[in-house]
Amino acid sequence: MTGAVETESKHRVRDTGAVRAVLDRLGFRADAASLQADEYYDTPAGLLRTADLVLRLRLIDGQVTAGFKGPRTFLTDGSHSRLEVELPAAEAEEVREELARQGLVCVWRLQKRRREYRRAGLSIVVCLDELPRLGHFVELEGPSDDIAAVRRSLGAHIGPPERLNYRDLARRWMAERGSVTAALTFGA
């Protein structure tokens, strides 16, 4: 993320081992993997989703972050940019109670295992995500030129840019199998 505007490109991973090998060859180093539990909030009428806005509560290893994302602007290469503001938050239950007082409800829950890769001298972050039942994805977050360079290096090991967010990908996957729930979690 550069400032408060995030530019991102998401891709389905075709070969996880090959993606890791390319990142290693390019000099990227992995952080420790984390389990992220995300809760998405909206009005009961879905006003935020209709406007392509996101209000998220993220829990990682006991740390709570509240995030807001503005509407996406899609770029010609398939990536998108949007305003994103993330702030450390108090206890998760306090935040949930405050959101409820403001008329917001939890509409979607998602867990993912994420490993972030960074390279000295570059501001791009490469996130390798594992989602329950959906498989592996890579998110490239940073300046457009860096995203394009890493995407070229990953080549056939990743699919084309994915315009759908994880929620929409999960809902499509579940609908194809005849069930739609409000969560995509490990062990569910």
N, C-alpha and C. Protein backbone atom coordinates (compact mmCIF):
# COMPACT_ATOMS: atom_id res chain seq x y z
N MET A 1 0.85 -1.17 0.00
CA MET A 1 0.00 0.00 0.00
C MET A 1 0.89 1.23 0.00
N THR A 2 0.57 2.20 -0.83
CA THR A 2 1.29 3.46 -0.90
C THR A 2 0.39 4.54 -0.32
N GLY A 3 0.76 5.06 0.86
CA GLY A 3 -0.11 6.03 1.50
C GLY A 3 -1.44 5.39 1.83
N ALA A 4 -2.52 6.13 1.62
CA ALA A 4 -3.84 5.61 1.93
C ALA A 4 -4.50 4.97 0.72
N VAL A 5 -3.81 4.97 -0.43
CA VAL A 5 -4.37 4.35 -1.63
C VAL A 5 -3.64 3.04 -1.88
N GLU A 6 -4.40 1.97 -1.94
CA GLU A 6 -3.85 0.64 -2.18
C GLU A 6 -4.09 0.26 -3.64
N THR A 7 -3.04 -0.24 -4.29
CA THR A 7 -3.18 -0.82 -5.62
C THR A 7 -2.87 -2.29 -5.47
N GLU A 8 -3.74 -3.13 -6.01
CA GLU A 8 -3.66 -4.57 -5.76
C GLU A 8 -4.05 -5.35 -7.02
N SER A 9 -3.43 -6.51 -7.16
CA SER A 9 -3.78 -7.45 -8.21
C SER A 9 -3.85 -8.84 -7.57
N LYS A 10 -4.99 -9.51 -7.72
CA LYS A 10 -5.21 -10.83 -7.11
C LYS A 10 -5.26 -11.88 -8.21
N HIS A 11 -4.63 -13.04 -7.95
CA HIS A 11 -4.55 -14.11 -8.95
C HIS A 11 -4.68 -15.46 -8.28
N ARG A 12 -5.39 -16.37 -8.93
CA ARG A 12 -5.41 -17.76 -8.47
C ARG A 12 -4.03 -18.35 -8.74
N VAL A 13 -3.53 -19.12 -7.78
CA VAL A 13 -2.22 -19.76 -7.93
C VAL A 13 -2.41 -21.12 -8.57
N ARG A 14 -1.66 -21.37 -9.62
CA ARG A 14 -1.70 -22.66 -10.30
C ARG A 14 -0.68 -23.63 -9.73
N ASP A 15 0.45 -23.11 -9.24
CA ASP A 15 1.53 -23.95 -8.70
C ASP A 15 2.19 -23.21 -7.55
N THR A 16 1.79 -23.55 -6.32
CA THR A 16 2.28 -22.85 -5.13
C THR A 16 3.78 -22.98 -4.98
N GLY A 17 4.32 -24.18 -5.18
CA GLY A 17 5.76 -24.38 -5.05
C GLY A 17 6.54 -23.53 -6.04
N ALA A 18 6.05 -23.44 -7.26
CA ALA A 18 6.73 -22.63 -8.28
C ALA A 18 6.67 -21.15 -7.92
N VAL A 19 5.54 -20.69 -7.39
CA VAL A 19 5.43 -19.28 -6.98
C VAL A 19 6.45 -18.99 -5.89
N ARG A 20 6.56 -19.85 -4.91
CA ARG A 20 7.54 -19.65 -3.83
C ARG A 20 8.97 -19.64 -4.39
N ALA A 21 9.26 -20.53 -5.33
CA ALA A 21 10.59 -20.60 -5.92
C ALA A 21 10.92 -19.32 -6.68
N VAL A 22 9.97 -18.79 -7.44
CA VAL A 22 10.20 -17.55 -8.19
C VAL A 22 10.45 -16.40 -7.22
N LEU A 23 9.63 -16.31 -6.17
CA LEU A 23 9.81 -15.23 -5.20
C LEU A 23 11.18 -15.33 -4.53
N ASP A 24 11.61 -16.54 -4.21
CA ASP A 24 12.93 -16.74 -3.61
C ASP A 24 14.03 -16.30 -4.58
N ARG A 25 13.90 -16.68 -5.84
CA ARG A 25 14.89 -16.31 -6.86
C ARG A 25 14.95 -14.79 -7.03
N LEU A 26 13.80 -14.11 -6.88
CA LEU A 26 13.75 -12.65 -7.01
C LEU A 26 14.24 -11.92 -5.76
N GLY A 27 14.55 -12.66 -4.70
CA GLY A 27 15.07 -12.04 -3.49
C GLY A 27 14.01 -11.68 -2.46
N PHE A 28 12.79 -12.16 -2.62
CA PHE A 28 11.75 -11.92 -1.63
C PHE A 28 11.95 -12.86 -0.44
N ARG A 29 11.68 -12.36 0.74
CA ARG A 29 11.77 -13.16 1.95
C ARG A 29 10.40 -13.20 2.63
N ALA A 30 10.05 -14.37 3.14
CA ALA A 30 8.72 -14.58 3.73
C ALA A 30 8.70 -14.23 5.21
N ASP A 31 7.62 -13.59 5.62
CA ASP A 31 7.33 -13.43 7.04
C ASP A 31 6.73 -14.74 7.54
N ALA A 32 6.55 -14.84 8.82
CA ALA A 32 5.87 -16.01 9.38
C ALA A 32 4.43 -16.03 8.89
N ALA A 33 3.91 -17.20 8.66
CA ALA A 33 2.50 -17.33 8.23
C ALA A 33 1.60 -16.92 9.39
N SER A 34 0.44 -16.36 9.04
CA SER A 34 -0.54 -15.97 10.05
C SER A 34 -1.91 -16.48 9.65
N LEU A 35 -2.75 -16.69 10.64
CA LEU A 35 -4.15 -17.01 10.40
C LEU A 35 -4.93 -15.72 10.62
N GLN A 36 -5.58 -15.24 9.57
CA GLN A 36 -6.35 -14.01 9.65
C GLN A 36 -7.82 -14.35 9.70
N ALA A 37 -8.52 -13.77 10.66
CA ALA A 37 -9.97 -13.93 10.77
C ALA A 37 -10.59 -12.56 10.49
N ASP A 38 -11.30 -12.45 9.39
CA ASP A 38 -11.91 -11.19 8.97
C ASP A 38 -13.42 -11.25 9.16
N GLU A 39 -13.96 -10.15 9.66
CA GLU A 39 -15.41 -9.98 9.78
C GLU A 39 -15.78 -8.73 9.00
N TYR A 40 -16.77 -8.86 8.13
CA TYR A 40 -17.20 -7.75 7.28
C TYR A 40 -18.56 -7.25 7.75
N TYR A 41 -18.69 -5.93 7.84
CA TYR A 41 -19.90 -5.31 8.37
C TYR A 41 -20.57 -4.44 7.31
N ASP A 42 -21.89 -4.34 7.44
CA ASP A 42 -22.68 -3.55 6.50
C ASP A 42 -23.98 -3.16 7.19
N THR A 43 -24.76 -2.33 6.54
CA THR A 43 -26.11 -2.05 7.03
C THR A 43 -26.97 -3.26 6.68
N PRO A 44 -28.09 -3.45 7.37
CA PRO A 44 -28.97 -4.57 7.01
C PRO A 44 -29.43 -4.52 5.55
N ALA A 45 -29.50 -3.33 4.96
CA ALA A 45 -29.92 -3.20 3.56
C ALA A 45 -28.75 -3.35 2.58
N GLY A 46 -27.53 -3.53 3.08
CA GLY A 46 -26.37 -3.72 2.20
C GLY A 46 -25.89 -2.46 1.52
N LEU A 47 -26.03 -1.31 2.18
CA LEU A 47 -25.65 -0.05 1.55
C LEU A 47 -24.16 0.05 1.24
N LEU A 48 -23.32 -0.48 2.12
CA LEU A 48 -21.87 -0.41 1.88
C LEU A 48 -21.49 -1.25 0.66
N ARG A 49 -21.98 -2.47 0.63
CA ARG A 49 -21.66 -3.38 -0.49
C ARG A 49 -22.14 -2.79 -1.82
N THR A 50 -23.34 -2.21 -1.83
CA THR A 50 -23.89 -1.61 -3.04
C THR A 50 -22.98 -0.50 -3.56
N ALA A 51 -22.34 0.23 -2.66
CA ALA A 51 -21.45 1.33 -3.05
C ALA A 51 -19.99 0.86 -3.20
N ASP A 52 -19.74 -0.45 -3.15
CA ASP A 52 -18.39 -1.04 -3.25
C ASP A 52 -17.49 -0.53 -2.14
N LEU A 53 -18.07 -0.37 -0.94
CA LEU A 53 -17.33 0.02 0.25
C LEU A 53 -17.17 -1.20 1.16
N VAL A 54 -16.09 -1.20 1.93
CA VAL A 54 -15.82 -2.33 2.82
C VAL A 54 -15.51 -1.80 4.21
N LEU A 55 -16.14 -2.39 5.22
CA LEU A 55 -15.82 -2.14 6.62
C LEU A 55 -15.47 -3.49 7.23
N ARG A 56 -14.21 -3.63 7.66
CA ARG A 56 -13.72 -4.94 8.08
C ARG A 56 -13.07 -4.86 9.45
N LEU A 57 -13.27 -5.91 10.23
CA LEU A 57 -12.58 -6.11 11.49
C LEU A 57 -11.68 -7.32 11.28
N ARG A 58 -10.38 -7.17 11.51
CA ARG A 58 -9.42 -8.27 11.28
C ARG A 58 -8.75 -8.63 12.59
N LEU A 59 -8.71 -9.92 12.85
CA LEU A 59 -8.04 -10.44 14.05
C LEU A 59 -6.88 -11.33 13.62
N ILE A 60 -5.68 -11.00 14.12
CA ILE A 60 -4.48 -11.78 13.85
C ILE A 60 -3.72 -11.91 15.16
N ASP A 61 -3.58 -13.13 15.64
CA ASP A 61 -2.80 -13.39 16.86
C ASP A 61 -3.17 -12.44 18.00
N GLY A 62 -4.45 -12.24 18.23
CA GLY A 62 -4.90 -11.39 19.32
C GLY A 62 -4.90 -9.91 19.02
N GLN A 63 -4.36 -9.49 17.89
CA GLN A 63 -4.35 -8.08 17.50
C GLN A 63 -5.60 -7.80 16.66
N VAL A 64 -6.22 -6.66 16.92
CA VAL A 64 -7.45 -6.29 16.23
C VAL A 64 -7.19 -5.04 15.40
N THR A 65 -7.61 -5.08 14.13
CA THR A 65 -7.48 -3.94 13.23
C THR A 65 -8.83 -3.67 12.59
N ALA A 66 -9.23 -2.40 12.60
CA ALA A 66 -10.45 -2.00 11.89
C ALA A 66 -10.01 -1.37 10.57
N GLY A 67 -10.70 -1.75 9.49
CA GLY A 67 -10.32 -1.24 8.19
C GLY A 67 -11.52 -0.75 7.40
N PHE A 68 -11.29 0.29 6.61
CA PHE A 68 -12.30 0.82 5.71
C PHE A 68 -11.68 0.89 4.33
N LYS A 69 -12.42 0.43 3.31
CA LYS A 69 -11.96 0.50 1.93
C LYS A 69 -13.01 1.23 1.09
N GLY A 70 -12.54 2.15 0.28
CA GLY A 70 -13.41 2.88 -0.62
C GLY A 70 -13.69 2.07 -1.88
N PRO A 71 -14.45 2.64 -2.81
CA PRO A 71 -14.78 1.91 -4.05
C PRO A 71 -13.52 1.68 -4.90
N ARG A 72 -13.55 0.59 -5.64
CA ARG A 72 -12.42 0.22 -6.51
C ARG A 72 -12.48 0.98 -7.83
N THR A 73 -11.30 1.31 -8.30
CA THR A 73 -11.10 1.81 -9.65
C THR A 73 -10.26 0.77 -10.36
N PHE A 74 -10.84 0.12 -11.38
CA PHE A 74 -10.12 -0.94 -12.08
C PHE A 74 -9.20 -0.32 -13.12
N LEU A 75 -7.98 -0.86 -13.17
CA LEU A 75 -6.96 -0.39 -14.11
C LEU A 75 -6.94 -1.31 -15.32
N THR A 76 -6.34 -0.85 -16.40
CA THR A 76 -6.36 -1.61 -17.65
C THR A 76 -5.66 -2.96 -17.54
N ASP A 77 -4.74 -3.13 -16.60
CA ASP A 77 -4.02 -4.40 -16.47
C ASP A 77 -4.76 -5.41 -15.59
N GLY A 78 -5.96 -5.06 -15.13
CA GLY A 78 -6.74 -5.97 -14.30
C GLY A 78 -6.59 -5.74 -12.81
N SER A 79 -5.63 -4.93 -12.39
CA SER A 79 -5.49 -4.60 -10.97
C SER A 79 -6.49 -3.50 -10.63
N HIS A 80 -6.56 -3.14 -9.36
CA HIS A 80 -7.44 -2.04 -8.98
C HIS A 80 -6.79 -1.21 -7.87
N SER A 81 -7.25 0.02 -7.76
CA SER A 81 -6.81 0.93 -6.70
C SER A 81 -8.03 1.33 -5.90
N ARG A 82 -7.79 1.58 -4.62
CA ARG A 82 -8.87 2.06 -3.76
C ARG A 82 -8.26 2.66 -2.51
N LEU A 83 -9.01 3.57 -1.91
CA LEU A 83 -8.65 4.12 -0.62
C LEU A 83 -8.76 3.02 0.42
N GLU A 84 -7.75 2.90 1.28
CA GLU A 84 -7.82 1.93 2.37
C GLU A 84 -7.22 2.57 3.62
N VAL A 85 -7.97 2.53 4.71
CA VAL A 85 -7.53 3.05 5.99
C VAL A 85 -7.65 1.92 6.99
N GLU A 86 -6.54 1.61 7.67
CA GLU A 86 -6.55 0.58 8.71
C GLU A 86 -6.03 1.18 10.00
N LEU A 87 -6.71 0.87 11.10
CA LEU A 87 -6.34 1.40 12.40
C LEU A 87 -6.35 0.29 13.44
N PRO A 88 -5.38 0.30 14.36
CA PRO A 88 -5.47 -0.66 15.46
C PRO A 88 -6.73 -0.36 16.26
N ALA A 89 -7.37 -1.41 16.74
CA ALA A 89 -8.63 -1.24 17.46
C ALA A 89 -8.52 -1.84 18.86
N ALA A 90 -9.50 -1.50 19.67
CA ALA A 90 -9.58 -2.04 21.03
C ALA A 90 -9.93 -3.52 20.97
N GLU A 91 -10.42 -4.03 22.03
CA GLU A 91 -10.86 -5.42 22.06
C GLU A 91 -11.92 -5.65 20.99
N ALA A 92 -11.88 -6.79 20.36
CA ALA A 92 -12.82 -7.09 19.26
C ALA A 92 -14.26 -6.94 19.71
N GLU A 93 -14.58 -7.41 20.89
CA GLU A 93 -15.98 -7.35 21.34
C GLU A 93 -16.45 -5.91 21.51
N GLU A 94 -15.57 -5.03 21.96
CA GLU A 94 -15.93 -3.61 22.08
C GLU A 94 -16.23 -3.01 20.71
N VAL A 95 -15.43 -3.35 19.73
CA VAL A 95 -15.64 -2.83 18.38
C VAL A 95 -16.95 -3.38 17.82
N ARG A 96 -17.20 -4.67 18.01
CA ARG A 96 -18.46 -5.26 17.53
C ARG A 96 -19.67 -4.56 18.15
N GLU A 97 -19.60 -4.29 19.45
CA GLU A 97 -20.70 -3.62 20.13
C GLU A 97 -20.92 -2.21 19.58
N GLU A 98 -19.82 -1.49 19.32
CA GLU A 98 -19.94 -0.14 18.78
C GLU A 98 -20.51 -0.16 17.37
N LEU A 99 -20.09 -1.12 16.56
CA LEU A 99 -20.64 -1.24 15.21
C LEU A 99 -22.14 -1.54 15.28
N ALA A 100 -22.54 -2.41 16.20
CA ALA A 100 -23.97 -2.74 16.36
C ALA A 100 -24.75 -1.50 16.79
N ARG A 101 -24.18 -0.69 17.69
CA ARG A 101 -24.87 0.54 18.12
C ARG A 101 -25.08 1.49 16.95
N GLN A 102 -24.23 1.39 15.95
CA GLN A 102 -24.34 2.26 14.78
C GLN A 102 -25.18 1.62 13.67
N GLY A 103 -25.82 0.49 14.00
CA GLY A 103 -26.73 -0.14 13.05
C GLY A 103 -26.07 -1.06 12.04
N LEU A 104 -24.82 -1.43 12.29
CA LEU A 104 -24.12 -2.31 11.36
C LEU A 104 -24.14 -3.75 11.87
N VAL A 105 -24.19 -4.68 10.93
CA VAL A 105 -24.25 -6.11 11.28
C VAL A 105 -23.13 -6.84 10.54
N CYS A 106 -22.68 -7.93 11.14
CA CYS A 106 -21.67 -8.77 10.49
C CYS A 106 -22.37 -9.56 9.38
N VAL A 107 -21.90 -9.38 8.15
CA VAL A 107 -22.55 -10.02 7.01
C VAL A 107 -21.69 -11.12 6.39
N TRP A 108 -20.43 -11.21 6.78
CA TRP A 108 -19.54 -12.19 6.15
C TRP A 108 -18.32 -12.40 7.04
N ARG A 109 -17.92 -13.65 7.17
CA ARG A 109 -16.70 -14.00 7.91
C ARG A 109 -15.80 -14.83 7.00
N LEU A 110 -14.51 -14.56 7.08
CA LEU A 110 -13.53 -15.25 6.24
C LEU A 110 -12.28 -15.51 7.05
N GLN A 111 -11.76 -16.71 6.94
CA GLN A 111 -10.44 -17.00 7.48
C GLN A 111 -9.51 -17.29 6.31
N LYS A 112 -8.27 -16.89 6.47
CA LYS A 112 -7.26 -17.25 5.48
C LYS A 112 -5.91 -17.38 6.17
N ARG A 113 -5.12 -18.27 5.63
CA ARG A 113 -3.73 -18.37 6.05
C ARG A 113 -2.94 -17.51 5.07
N ARG A 114 -2.19 -16.57 5.62
CA ARG A 114 -1.45 -15.62 4.77
C ARG A 114 0.02 -15.62 5.14
N ARG A 115 0.84 -15.61 4.11
CA ARG A 115 2.28 -15.41 4.27
C ARG A 115 2.65 -14.24 3.37
N GLU A 116 3.28 -13.22 3.97
CA GLU A 116 3.67 -12.03 3.22
C GLU A 116 5.15 -12.12 2.86
N TYR A 117 5.44 -11.75 1.62
CA TYR A 117 6.80 -11.75 1.10
C TYR A 117 7.20 -10.32 0.79
N ARG A 118 8.43 -9.96 1.20
CA ARG A 118 8.94 -8.62 0.95
C ARG A 118 10.38 -8.72 0.42
N ARG A 119 10.77 -7.67 -0.30
CA ARG A 119 12.14 -7.58 -0.81
C ARG A 119 12.69 -6.22 -0.46
N ALA A 120 13.88 -6.19 0.09
CA ALA A 120 14.52 -4.92 0.46
C ALA A 120 14.57 -4.00 -0.74
N GLY A 121 14.23 -2.74 -0.51
CA GLY A 121 14.30 -1.74 -1.58
C GLY A 121 13.04 -1.62 -2.40
N LEU A 122 12.07 -2.51 -2.22
CA LEU A 122 10.81 -2.45 -2.95
C LEU A 122 9.67 -2.25 -1.96
N SER A 123 8.67 -1.48 -2.37
CA SER A 123 7.53 -1.28 -1.47
C SER A 123 6.40 -2.27 -1.74
N ILE A 124 6.56 -3.17 -2.73
CA ILE A 124 5.53 -4.16 -3.02
C ILE A 124 5.52 -5.24 -1.94
N VAL A 125 4.32 -5.69 -1.61
CA VAL A 125 4.14 -6.83 -0.72
C VAL A 125 3.42 -7.92 -1.52
N VAL A 126 3.97 -9.12 -1.48
CA VAL A 126 3.35 -10.25 -2.15
C VAL A 126 2.74 -11.11 -1.06
N CYS A 127 1.43 -11.31 -1.11
CA CYS A 127 0.71 -12.09 -0.10
C CYS A 127 0.28 -13.41 -0.74
N LEU A 128 0.74 -14.50 -0.15
CA LEU A 128 0.31 -15.82 -0.60
C LEU A 128 -0.76 -16.29 0.38
N ASP A 129 -1.99 -16.41 -0.10
CA ASP A 129 -3.14 -16.72 0.74
C ASP A 129 -3.65 -18.13 0.45
N GLU A 130 -4.02 -18.83 1.52
CA GLU A 130 -4.73 -20.11 1.40
C GLU A 130 -6.11 -19.91 1.99
N LEU A 131 -7.14 -20.18 1.20
CA LEU A 131 -8.52 -20.04 1.65
C LEU A 131 -9.18 -21.41 1.72
N PRO A 132 -10.00 -21.62 2.74
CA PRO A 132 -10.69 -22.91 2.84
C PRO A 132 -11.49 -23.18 1.57
N ARG A 133 -11.35 -24.35 1.04
CA ARG A 133 -12.09 -24.85 -0.12
C ARG A 133 -11.79 -24.12 -1.43
N LEU A 134 -11.28 -22.91 -1.38
CA LEU A 134 -11.01 -22.16 -2.61
C LEU A 134 -9.58 -22.34 -3.11
N GLY A 135 -8.68 -22.72 -2.24
CA GLY A 135 -7.30 -22.93 -2.65
C GLY A 135 -6.41 -21.73 -2.38
N HIS A 136 -5.39 -21.58 -3.23
CA HIS A 136 -4.36 -20.57 -3.03
C HIS A 136 -4.51 -19.42 -4.03
N PHE A 137 -4.23 -18.23 -3.51
CA PHE A 137 -4.24 -17.01 -4.30
C PHE A 137 -3.00 -16.20 -3.93
N VAL A 138 -2.59 -15.35 -4.86
CA VAL A 138 -1.52 -14.41 -4.56
C VAL A 138 -2.09 -13.01 -4.78
N GLU A 139 -1.82 -12.13 -3.82
CA GLU A 139 -2.19 -10.72 -3.95
C GLU A 139 -0.90 -9.92 -4.03
N LEU A 140 -0.80 -9.09 -5.04
CA LEU A 140 0.34 -8.22 -5.23
C LEU A 140 -0.12 -6.82 -4.86
N GLU A 141 0.49 -6.22 -3.84
CA GLU A 141 0.06 -4.92 -3.34
C GLU A 141 1.24 -3.95 -3.39
N GLY A 142 1.08 -2.88 -4.15
CA GLY A 142 2.15 -1.89 -4.23
C GLY A 142 2.02 -1.06 -5.49
N PRO A 143 3.12 -0.42 -5.89
CA PRO A 143 3.10 0.40 -7.11
C PRO A 143 2.81 -0.45 -8.35
N SER A 144 2.07 0.12 -9.27
CA SER A 144 1.66 -0.62 -10.48
C SER A 144 2.83 -1.22 -11.25
N ASP A 145 3.93 -0.48 -11.37
CA ASP A 145 5.09 -1.00 -12.11
C ASP A 145 5.67 -2.23 -11.43
N ASP A 146 5.74 -2.21 -10.10
CA ASP A 146 6.26 -3.37 -9.36
C ASP A 146 5.30 -4.56 -9.48
N ILE A 147 4.00 -4.28 -9.42
CA ILE A 147 3.02 -5.35 -9.60
C ILE A 147 3.20 -6.00 -10.96
N ALA A 148 3.34 -5.19 -12.00
CA ALA A 148 3.50 -5.73 -13.35
C ALA A 148 4.76 -6.57 -13.47
N ALA A 149 5.86 -6.12 -12.87
CA ALA A 149 7.12 -6.86 -12.95
C ALA A 149 7.03 -8.21 -12.25
N VAL A 150 6.46 -8.23 -11.06
CA VAL A 150 6.33 -9.50 -10.32
C VAL A 150 5.36 -10.42 -11.04
N ARG A 151 4.28 -9.87 -11.55
CA ARG A 151 3.30 -10.67 -12.28
C ARG A 151 3.96 -11.34 -13.50
N ARG A 152 4.78 -10.59 -14.23
CA ARG A 152 5.49 -11.17 -15.38
C ARG A 152 6.41 -12.30 -14.92
N SER A 153 7.10 -12.10 -13.82
CA SER A 153 8.02 -13.13 -13.32
C SER A 153 7.28 -14.39 -12.89
N LEU A 154 6.09 -14.24 -12.35
CA LEU A 154 5.31 -15.41 -11.91
C LEU A 154 4.68 -16.14 -13.09
N GLY A 155 4.49 -15.42 -14.19
CA GLY A 155 4.06 -16.01 -15.46
C GLY A 155 2.93 -17.01 -15.36
N ALA A 156 3.17 -18.20 -15.89
CA ALA A 156 2.13 -19.24 -15.99
C ALA A 156 1.82 -19.89 -14.65
N HIS A 157 2.53 -19.53 -13.59
CA HIS A 157 2.27 -20.13 -12.27
C HIS A 157 1.05 -19.51 -11.60
N ILE A 158 0.55 -18.41 -12.18
CA ILE A 158 -0.65 -17.76 -11.64
C ILE A 158 -1.65 -17.55 -12.77
N GLY A 159 -2.91 -17.41 -12.40
CA GLY A 159 -3.95 -17.13 -13.37
C GLY A 159 -4.03 -15.65 -13.69
N PRO A 160 -4.98 -15.28 -14.54
CA PRO A 160 -5.17 -13.86 -14.88
C PRO A 160 -5.68 -13.08 -13.67
N PRO A 161 -5.62 -11.76 -13.71
CA PRO A 161 -6.13 -10.96 -12.60
C PRO A 161 -7.59 -11.31 -12.29
N GLU A 162 -7.90 -11.43 -11.02
CA GLU A 162 -9.23 -11.79 -10.55
C GLU A 162 -9.95 -10.52 -10.11
N ARG A 163 -11.08 -10.21 -10.73
CA ARG A 163 -11.83 -9.00 -10.37
C ARG A 163 -12.71 -9.20 -9.14
N LEU A 164 -13.06 -10.44 -8.83
CA LEU A 164 -13.93 -10.69 -7.69
C LEU A 164 -13.12 -10.69 -6.39
N ASN A 165 -13.75 -10.20 -5.32
CA ASN A 165 -13.12 -10.30 -4.01
C ASN A 165 -13.34 -11.70 -3.45
N TYR A 166 -12.70 -12.00 -2.33
CA TYR A 166 -12.81 -13.35 -1.78
C TYR A 166 -14.26 -13.72 -1.44
N ARG A 167 -15.03 -12.77 -0.96
CA ARG A 167 -16.42 -13.06 -0.63
C ARG A 167 -17.19 -13.50 -1.89
N ASP A 168 -17.04 -12.76 -2.97
CA ASP A 168 -17.77 -13.11 -4.19
C ASP A 168 -17.27 -14.41 -4.79
N LEU A 169 -15.96 -14.66 -4.71
CA LEU A 169 -15.43 -15.95 -5.18
C LEU A 169 -16.03 -17.10 -4.37
N ALA A 170 -16.09 -16.91 -3.05
CA ALA A 170 -16.64 -17.96 -2.18
C ALA A 170 -18.13 -18.16 -2.44
N ARG A 171 -18.87 -17.08 -2.59
CA ARG A 171 -20.31 -17.21 -2.84
C ARG A 171 -20.57 -17.93 -4.16
N ARG A 172 -19.78 -17.63 -5.19
CA ARG A 172 -19.92 -18.32 -6.47
C ARG A 172 -19.61 -19.81 -6.31
N TRP A 173 -18.52 -20.12 -5.60
CA TRP A 173 -18.12 -21.51 -5.37
C TRP A 173 -19.22 -22.26 -4.63
N MET A 174 -19.77 -21.64 -3.58
CA MET A 174 -20.82 -22.30 -2.79
C MET A 174 -22.10 -22.44 -3.60
N ALA A 175 -22.47 -21.43 -4.37
CA ALA A 175 -23.70 -21.49 -5.18
C ALA A 175 -23.61 -22.62 -6.20
N GLU A 176 -22.43 -22.82 -6.77
CA GLU A 176 -22.24 -23.91 -7.73
C GLU A 176 -22.45 -25.28 -7.08
N ARG A 177 -22.32 -25.33 -5.76
CA ARG A 177 -22.48 -26.57 -5.02
C ARG A 177 -23.80 -26.62 -4.24
N GLY A 178 -24.64 -25.61 -4.45
CA GLY A 178 -25.98 -25.63 -3.88
C GLY A 178 -26.12 -25.15 -2.45
N SER A 179 -25.10 -24.48 -1.90
CA SER A 179 -25.25 -23.94 -0.55
C SER A 179 -24.48 -22.64 -0.44
N VAL A 180 -25.11 -21.66 0.17
CA VAL A 180 -24.46 -20.37 0.39
C VAL A 180 -24.56 -20.06 1.88
N THR A 181 -23.41 -19.81 2.51
CA THR A 181 -23.38 -19.45 3.91
C THR A 181 -22.74 -18.08 4.05
N ALA A 182 -22.73 -17.57 5.25
CA ALA A 182 -22.16 -16.24 5.50
C ALA A 182 -20.75 -16.35 6.05
N ALA A 183 -20.07 -17.47 5.78
CA ALA A 183 -18.71 -17.64 6.29
C ALA A 183 -17.93 -18.62 5.41
N LEU A 184 -16.65 -18.39 5.38
CA LEU A 184 -15.71 -19.32 4.75
C LEU A 184 -14.56 -19.46 5.74
N THR A 185 -14.60 -20.53 6.52
CA THR A 185 -13.63 -20.73 7.58
C THR A 185 -13.06 -22.13 7.51
N PHE A 186 -11.86 -22.30 8.07
CA PHE A 186 -11.24 -23.61 8.13
C PHE A 186 -12.02 -24.48 9.12
N GLY A 187 -12.19 -25.72 8.79
CA GLY A 187 -12.90 -26.65 9.67
C GLY A 187 -14.41 -26.56 9.59
N ALA A 188 -14.94 -25.68 8.75
CA ALA A 188 -16.41 -25.54 8.65
C ALA A 188 -16.93 -26.38 7.51
